[in-house]
Amino acid sequence: METTNKPPLWFWVISIIALLWNIMGVMAYLGQAYMTEEALVALPEAEQNFYNNIPAWVTAAFAIAVFAGTLGCIGLVLKKKWASILFLLSLIAVLAQATYNFFLQDFIVLSGERLIMPVVVIVVAIFLVWFSRNSASKGWIS
C-alpha cells in the first residue's frame, strides 16, 4: 500500500498565492508584449526608449520566466515534482532578464522604488525553487 505525506494547509496557501503572483506576471508580460502605440507614447521618453529597444532575447526570457513559473505553480497545486524543474527554468529566465535590466540597458535608472519589484521577483523565484524542492523532499509532491 502506497503512503503519501499530506501537505499542510500552508503548502496550499503558498501554492495558490504563488499561482496568483505568476498569473499577474503573465498579465504583465502580455501587457508589455502587446502594448498599443497609444499606451507607449503616453509614457515618459526614457520608458518609450526602453520598451522600443528591448532585445528579443529579453522578451523571450520574460515570457519563459512567467509561463514556466505559472506552469510550475499548477504543478504544485497538482502535487507534481516536475514543478521544481519549471521553477528552476523560471529562475534562470528571471536572472537573464534582470541582468539586462540592471546591467545592460541604459534607458531607465533602476534605483529607489524602481528597484523594489525586480528584486522581489528574484526573491520569489528563488523561494519557489527552494519551496518546490523542499516540498518534494518531504513527500508533499511526487
Foldseek 3Di string as FASTA:
>chain_A
DDDFDADDPVLVVVLVVQLVVLVVLVVVLCCLVPPDPVNLVVDPPLVNVVSVPDDPLLSVLSVLLSVLSNVLSVLSVVQALCSLVSLVSNLVSLVVNVCCVQPNDDSDHQDDPNVPVSVVSNVVSVVSNVSSVVCVVNRNGD
